[in-house]
Amino acid sequence: MNDNNEIGHRLIVVIPDKTAEAMREAQMAQEEPEENFVLKIAKSVFSLYGEPFAVTMGKQAFALIQTIMDAINKGADLTTLSYSESKKLNLTFSPGHPRENVVYAQHPANPLMYYTASSFHRQAFEHKFAEVITLLSSLGAREIKVEHVSGWNQEFSAEIGISTPQDSAKVGVGKNGSETSALLFDAKLAGHDTPSIPDNLTWYPHEALWQALANARVENGLRNFNLSLTYSDDYGLNADFKATLKGTGLDLGGKFTEHQSTVWKITGMFGSA
């Protein structure tokens, strides 16, 4: 990894430290037969394990290196990081990750957070939704309603495990029916009149309308709100991306969630009930 470009890699594959060392040797070495290279790294990188295990480790490392290089040659803009490098950079992954051979995509607004490529759109949107609910709750919302306008709908909202405020007294997720066909989320809270903006928000610095609403509530006592939660950019994780990685041997991390340009309408009231 280039120390001058530590963070900012959009797509990464995390590999064992020894494999990363072998990959550096592969990049510096002239082309040579696979068998010769495997024996070379068995002696130089995996010698600690002793033969024949060192040779087996060399073969496994060579196979992974070849898989990654094939993907890069097909046009995949991948960066490889060793496990030690990912820890040194304090990168954040979902529980149980990172795993070998899996492609991870960087969070749109947090360079330290990575999702599997397969779940990227679902998790990024879920995170954005959870943050706006956290913001509205901290600003003193007593009622929050979320309605589908376009894109992902009720089925998707049920899948993403929507986070709700801890003091929520009544929460409902919309189901099929003429009266609630567009209603995705309905929360009743105690509400309060001591609004504040939470620290360490991720999306908030990039959302001008969220900032305007929060300032109107904190500075001028705004009593109701009406805003849109939008998710329109596919961040390059689309059909072309899938086609590039198809057949390379790299894993997306599960079933790929296709991007949908989405708008959800959020309305409600602030203040004590």
Protein backbone atom coordinates (compact mmCIF):
# COMPACT_ATOMS: atom_id res chain seq x y z
CA MET A 1 0.00 0.00 0.00
CA ASN A 2 1.16 3.52 -0.81
CA ASP A 3 1.63 5.46 2.44
CA ASN A 4 0.86 8.69 0.58
CA ASN A 5 -2.64 7.44 -0.20
CA GLU A 6 -3.60 5.82 3.09
CA ILE A 7 -7.35 6.42 3.08
CA GLY A 8 -9.75 7.03 0.24
CA HIS A 9 -9.74 3.71 -1.57
CA ARG A 10 -13.27 3.20 -2.89
CA LEU A 11 -12.95 -0.58 -3.33
CA ILE A 12 -10.63 -2.81 -1.33
CA VAL A 13 -9.75 -6.45 -0.84
CA VAL A 14 -8.21 -7.33 2.53
CA ILE A 15 -5.64 -10.11 2.39
CA PRO A 16 -3.43 -11.93 4.93
CA ASP A 17 -0.19 -10.16 5.82
CA LYS A 18 1.97 -12.89 4.30
CA THR A 19 -0.04 -12.83 1.08
CA ALA A 20 0.45 -9.05 0.92
CA GLU A 21 4.19 -9.61 1.28
CA ALA A 22 4.11 -12.20 -1.49
CA MET A 23 2.11 -9.83 -3.68
CA ARG A 24 4.77 -7.15 -3.30
CA GLU A 25 7.38 -9.66 -4.42
CA ALA A 26 5.20 -10.59 -7.39
CA GLN A 27 4.91 -6.95 -8.43
CA MET A 28 8.68 -6.45 -8.23
CA ALA A 29 9.67 -9.73 -9.86
CA GLN A 30 9.96 -10.38 -13.56
CA GLU A 31 7.54 -12.85 -15.12
CA GLU A 32 8.42 -16.39 -14.23
CA PRO A 33 6.62 -19.77 -14.24
CA GLU A 34 4.05 -20.31 -11.49
CA GLU A 35 5.97 -23.22 -10.01
CA ASN A 36 9.16 -21.16 -9.70
CA PHE A 37 7.37 -18.24 -8.08
CA VAL A 38 5.53 -20.51 -5.62
CA LEU A 39 8.82 -22.08 -4.53
CA LYS A 40 10.40 -18.64 -4.29
CA ILE A 41 7.78 -17.19 -1.94
CA ALA A 42 7.61 -20.48 -0.02
CA LYS A 43 11.26 -19.91 0.88
CA SER A 44 11.19 -16.13 1.32
CA VAL A 45 7.73 -15.45 2.78
CA PHE A 46 6.43 -18.70 4.25
CA SER A 47 9.69 -20.34 5.35
CA LEU A 48 8.60 -20.06 8.98
CA TYR A 49 6.02 -22.80 8.38
CA GLY A 50 8.50 -25.32 6.98
CA GLU A 51 8.02 -27.62 4.02
CA PRO A 52 5.70 -28.89 2.64
CA PHE A 53 3.26 -26.52 4.35
CA ALA A 54 5.21 -23.49 3.12
CA VAL A 55 4.70 -24.64 -0.47
CA THR A 56 0.98 -25.14 0.15
CA MET A 57 0.74 -21.64 1.59
CA GLY A 58 2.66 -20.33 -1.41
CA LYS A 59 0.19 -21.95 -3.81
CA GLN A 60 -2.78 -20.48 -1.94
CA ALA A 61 -1.20 -17.03 -1.92
CA PHE A 62 -0.40 -17.27 -5.63
CA ALA A 63 -4.02 -18.23 -6.42
CA LEU A 64 -5.39 -15.25 -4.49
CA ILE A 65 -2.87 -12.86 -6.05
CA GLN A 66 -3.79 -14.16 -9.52
CA THR A 67 -7.50 -13.67 -8.77
CA ILE A 68 -6.97 -10.06 -7.71
CA MET A 69 -4.69 -9.27 -10.65
CA ASP A 70 -7.23 -10.76 -13.09
CA ALA A 71 -9.92 -8.48 -11.67
CA ILE A 72 -7.66 -5.43 -11.92
CA ASN A 73 -6.75 -6.33 -15.50
CA LYS A 74 -10.48 -6.48 -16.31
CA GLY A 75 -10.81 -2.88 -15.13
CA ALA A 76 -11.73 -3.25 -11.46
CA ASP A 77 -10.34 -0.29 -9.50
CA LEU A 78 -9.25 -2.37 -6.52
CA THR A 79 -6.75 -1.67 -3.77
CA THR A 80 -5.32 -4.49 -1.66
CA LEU A 81 -4.69 -3.96 2.04
CA SER A 82 -3.21 -6.43 4.48
CA TYR A 83 -5.07 -7.23 7.69
CA SER A 84 -2.43 -5.29 9.64
CA GLU A 85 -2.84 -2.25 7.39
CA SER A 86 -6.62 -2.28 7.80
CA LYS A 87 -6.22 -2.34 11.59
CA LYS A 88 -3.57 0.39 11.53
CA LEU A 89 -5.97 2.61 9.57
CA ASN A 90 -8.78 1.83 12.06
CA LEU A 91 -11.09 0.74 9.27
CA THR A 92 -14.54 -0.38 10.38
CA PHE A 93 -16.31 -3.45 8.98
CA SER A 94 -19.49 -5.33 9.78
CA PRO A 95 -19.19 -8.06 12.46
CA GLY A 96 -17.30 -11.07 11.13
CA HIS A 97 -15.43 -9.04 8.53
CA PRO A 98 -13.09 -8.47 6.76
CA ARG A 99 -12.89 -11.84 5.02
CA GLU A 100 -10.44 -13.06 2.43
CA ASN A 101 -11.45 -12.78 -1.23
CA VAL A 102 -14.34 -10.37 -0.51
CA VAL A 103 -14.64 -6.93 -2.13
CA TYR A 104 -15.52 -4.04 0.21
CA ALA A 105 -16.81 -0.60 -0.74
CA GLN A 106 -16.12 2.59 1.19
CA HIS A 107 -18.99 4.40 2.91
CA PRO A 108 -19.99 7.51 0.90
CA ALA A 109 -19.44 9.89 3.82
CA ASN A 110 -17.08 8.04 6.16
CA PRO A 111 -13.68 7.02 4.72
CA LEU A 112 -13.05 4.61 7.60
CA MET A 113 -16.22 2.54 7.16
CA TYR A 114 -16.51 -0.30 4.66
CA TYR A 115 -19.43 -2.51 3.61
CA THR A 116 -19.38 -5.66 1.52
CA ALA A 117 -20.02 -4.72 -2.10
CA SER A 118 -23.16 -6.87 -2.09
CA SER A 119 -24.81 -5.06 0.83
CA PHE A 120 -23.38 -1.59 0.17
CA HIS A 121 -26.57 0.12 -1.03
CA ARG A 122 -28.77 -1.45 1.63
CA GLN A 123 -26.41 -0.62 4.49
CA ALA A 124 -25.58 2.89 3.27
CA PHE A 125 -29.26 3.78 2.95
CA GLU A 126 -30.09 2.16 6.30
CA HIS A 127 -27.32 4.19 7.94
CA LYS A 128 -28.60 7.43 6.37
CA PHE A 129 -32.16 6.71 7.48
CA ALA A 130 -31.08 5.86 11.03
CA GLU A 131 -29.09 9.09 11.24
CA VAL A 132 -31.98 11.34 10.21
CA ILE A 133 -34.23 9.63 12.79
CA THR A 134 -31.55 10.17 15.45
CA LEU A 135 -31.27 13.83 14.45
CA LEU A 136 -35.03 14.45 14.55
CA SER A 137 -35.34 12.71 17.92
CA SER A 138 -32.53 14.83 19.38
CA LEU A 139 -34.26 17.95 18.05
CA GLY A 140 -37.34 17.00 20.07
CA ALA A 141 -39.64 15.28 17.58
CA ARG A 142 -42.85 13.91 19.08
CA GLU A 143 -44.11 12.39 15.84
CA ILE A 144 -42.21 11.06 12.82
CA LYS A 145 -43.92 9.71 9.72
CA VAL A 146 -42.08 8.31 6.72
CA GLU A 147 -43.82 7.83 3.39
CA HIS A 148 -42.62 6.20 0.19
CA VAL A 149 -42.36 8.52 -2.81
CA SER A 150 -40.16 6.56 -5.20
CA GLY A 151 -37.64 3.73 -5.23
CA TRP A 152 -37.33 1.26 -2.36
CA ASN A 153 -40.66 0.61 -0.64
CA GLN A 154 -42.33 -1.37 2.17
CA GLU A 155 -40.58 -4.65 1.43
CA PHE A 156 -37.19 -2.97 1.52
CA SER A 157 -38.01 -0.98 4.68
CA ALA A 158 -38.86 -4.24 6.45
CA GLU A 159 -35.53 -5.76 5.37
CA ILE A 160 -33.22 -3.02 6.59
CA GLY A 161 -34.05 -3.30 10.29
CA ILE A 162 -35.04 0.32 10.88
CA SER A 163 -33.56 1.84 14.05
CA THR A 164 -36.00 3.79 16.25
CA PRO A 165 -35.38 6.16 19.18
CA GLN A 166 -35.12 4.51 22.59
CA ASP A 167 -37.97 6.59 24.02
CA SER A 168 -40.37 5.63 21.23
CA ALA A 169 -43.79 4.87 22.67
CA LYS A 170 -45.43 3.62 19.50
CA VAL A 171 -43.84 2.49 16.28
CA GLY A 172 -45.49 0.99 13.21
CA VAL A 173 -44.29 -0.11 9.79
CA GLY A 174 -46.75 0.35 6.94
CA LYS A 175 -48.40 -2.72 5.41
CA ASN A 176 -50.50 -3.31 2.32
CA GLY A 177 -53.80 -1.42 2.34
CA SER A 178 -55.37 1.62 0.78
CA GLU A 179 -54.86 3.85 3.82
CA THR A 180 -51.24 2.95 4.56
CA SER A 181 -49.90 1.92 1.17
CA ALA A 182 -47.35 4.76 1.20
CA LEU A 183 -46.63 4.73 4.94
CA LEU A 184 -43.32 3.07 5.80
CA PHE A 185 -42.72 4.22 9.36
CA ASP A 186 -44.79 5.91 12.07
CA ALA A 187 -43.35 6.79 15.47
CA LYS A 188 -44.92 8.57 18.46
CA LEU A 189 -42.48 9.96 21.02
CA ALA A 190 -42.66 12.04 24.18
CA GLY A 191 -40.96 14.95 22.43
CA HIS A 192 -39.14 17.78 24.21
CA ASP A 193 -38.25 21.46 23.93
CA THR A 194 -34.50 21.27 24.56
CA PRO A 195 -33.29 20.58 21.01
CA SER A 196 -29.68 19.69 20.30
CA ILE A 197 -27.65 18.44 17.37
CA PRO A 198 -25.88 15.13 18.11
CA ASP A 199 -22.11 14.92 17.81
CA ASN A 200 -20.32 12.72 15.28
CA LEU A 201 -23.02 12.66 12.62
CA THR A 202 -21.78 11.24 9.31
CA TRP A 203 -24.26 12.39 6.67
CA TYR A 204 -25.29 15.66 8.34
CA PRO A 205 -22.28 17.76 7.16
CA HIS A 206 -23.23 16.91 3.56
CA GLU A 207 -26.98 17.61 3.87
CA ALA A 208 -27.72 21.34 3.61
CA LEU A 209 -31.47 20.90 4.20
CA TRP A 210 -30.89 18.86 7.35
CA GLN A 211 -28.66 21.64 8.63
CA ALA A 212 -31.22 24.33 7.80
CA LEU A 213 -33.97 22.40 9.57
CA ALA A 214 -31.81 21.77 12.65
CA ASN A 215 -30.83 25.45 12.89
CA ALA A 216 -34.47 26.53 12.53
CA ARG A 217 -35.44 24.21 15.37
CA VAL A 218 -32.57 25.14 17.71
CA GLU A 219 -32.52 28.89 17.01
CA ASN A 220 -36.17 29.66 16.23
CA GLY A 221 -38.27 26.90 17.78
CA LEU A 222 -39.50 25.25 14.57
CA ARG A 223 -42.66 23.26 15.39
CA ASN A 224 -43.09 20.95 12.39
CA PHE A 225 -40.96 19.50 9.63
CA ASN A 226 -41.27 18.16 6.11
CA LEU A 227 -38.15 16.88 4.38
CA SER A 228 -37.08 14.27 1.86
CA LEU A 229 -34.61 11.47 2.43
CA THR A 230 -32.92 10.89 -0.92
CA TYR A 231 -30.53 8.24 -2.20
CA SER A 232 -29.79 8.80 -5.87
CA ASP A 233 -26.08 8.06 -6.51
CA ASP A 234 -25.04 4.46 -7.20
CA TYR A 235 -21.40 5.34 -6.36
CA GLY A 236 -20.22 3.12 -9.21
CA LEU A 237 -21.64 -0.07 -7.68
CA ASN A 238 -23.95 -1.01 -10.52
CA ALA A 239 -24.44 -3.49 -13.36
CA ASP A 240 -21.13 -2.51 -14.97
CA PHE A 241 -19.34 -3.11 -11.68
CA LYS A 242 -20.91 -6.56 -11.35
CA ALA A 243 -19.99 -7.41 -14.93
CA THR A 244 -16.36 -6.39 -14.33
CA LEU A 245 -16.00 -8.74 -11.36
CA LYS A 246 -18.00 -11.60 -12.85
CA GLY A 247 -15.83 -14.65 -13.37
CA THR A 248 -12.80 -13.22 -11.57
CA GLY A 249 -13.19 -15.39 -8.49
CA LEU A 250 -13.64 -12.43 -6.15
CA ASP A 251 -16.67 -12.50 -3.86
CA LEU A 252 -19.14 -9.61 -3.51
CA GLY A 253 -20.05 -10.87 -0.03
CA GLY A 254 -23.52 -12.24 -0.76
CA LYS A 255 -26.48 -11.47 -2.99
CA PHE A 256 -25.97 -8.07 -4.59
CA THR A 257 -28.57 -5.43 -3.66
CA GLU A 258 -29.26 -3.42 -6.80
CA HIS A 259 -29.33 0.36 -6.50
CA GLN A 260 -32.65 2.17 -6.78
CA SER A 261 -32.90 5.94 -6.85
CA THR A 262 -35.07 6.52 -3.79
CA VAL A 263 -37.03 9.33 -2.16
CA TRP A 264 -38.82 8.95 1.19
CA LYS A 265 -40.87 11.84 2.60
CA ILE A 266 -40.44 12.52 6.33
CA THR A 267 -42.94 14.69 8.21
CA GLY A 268 -43.79 15.33 11.84
CA MET A 269 -44.03 17.65 14.82
CA PHE A 270 -41.54 18.92 17.38
CA GLY A 271 -42.08 19.69 21.06
CA SER A 272 -43.62 18.10 24.12
CA ALA A 273 -46.84 16.20 23.52
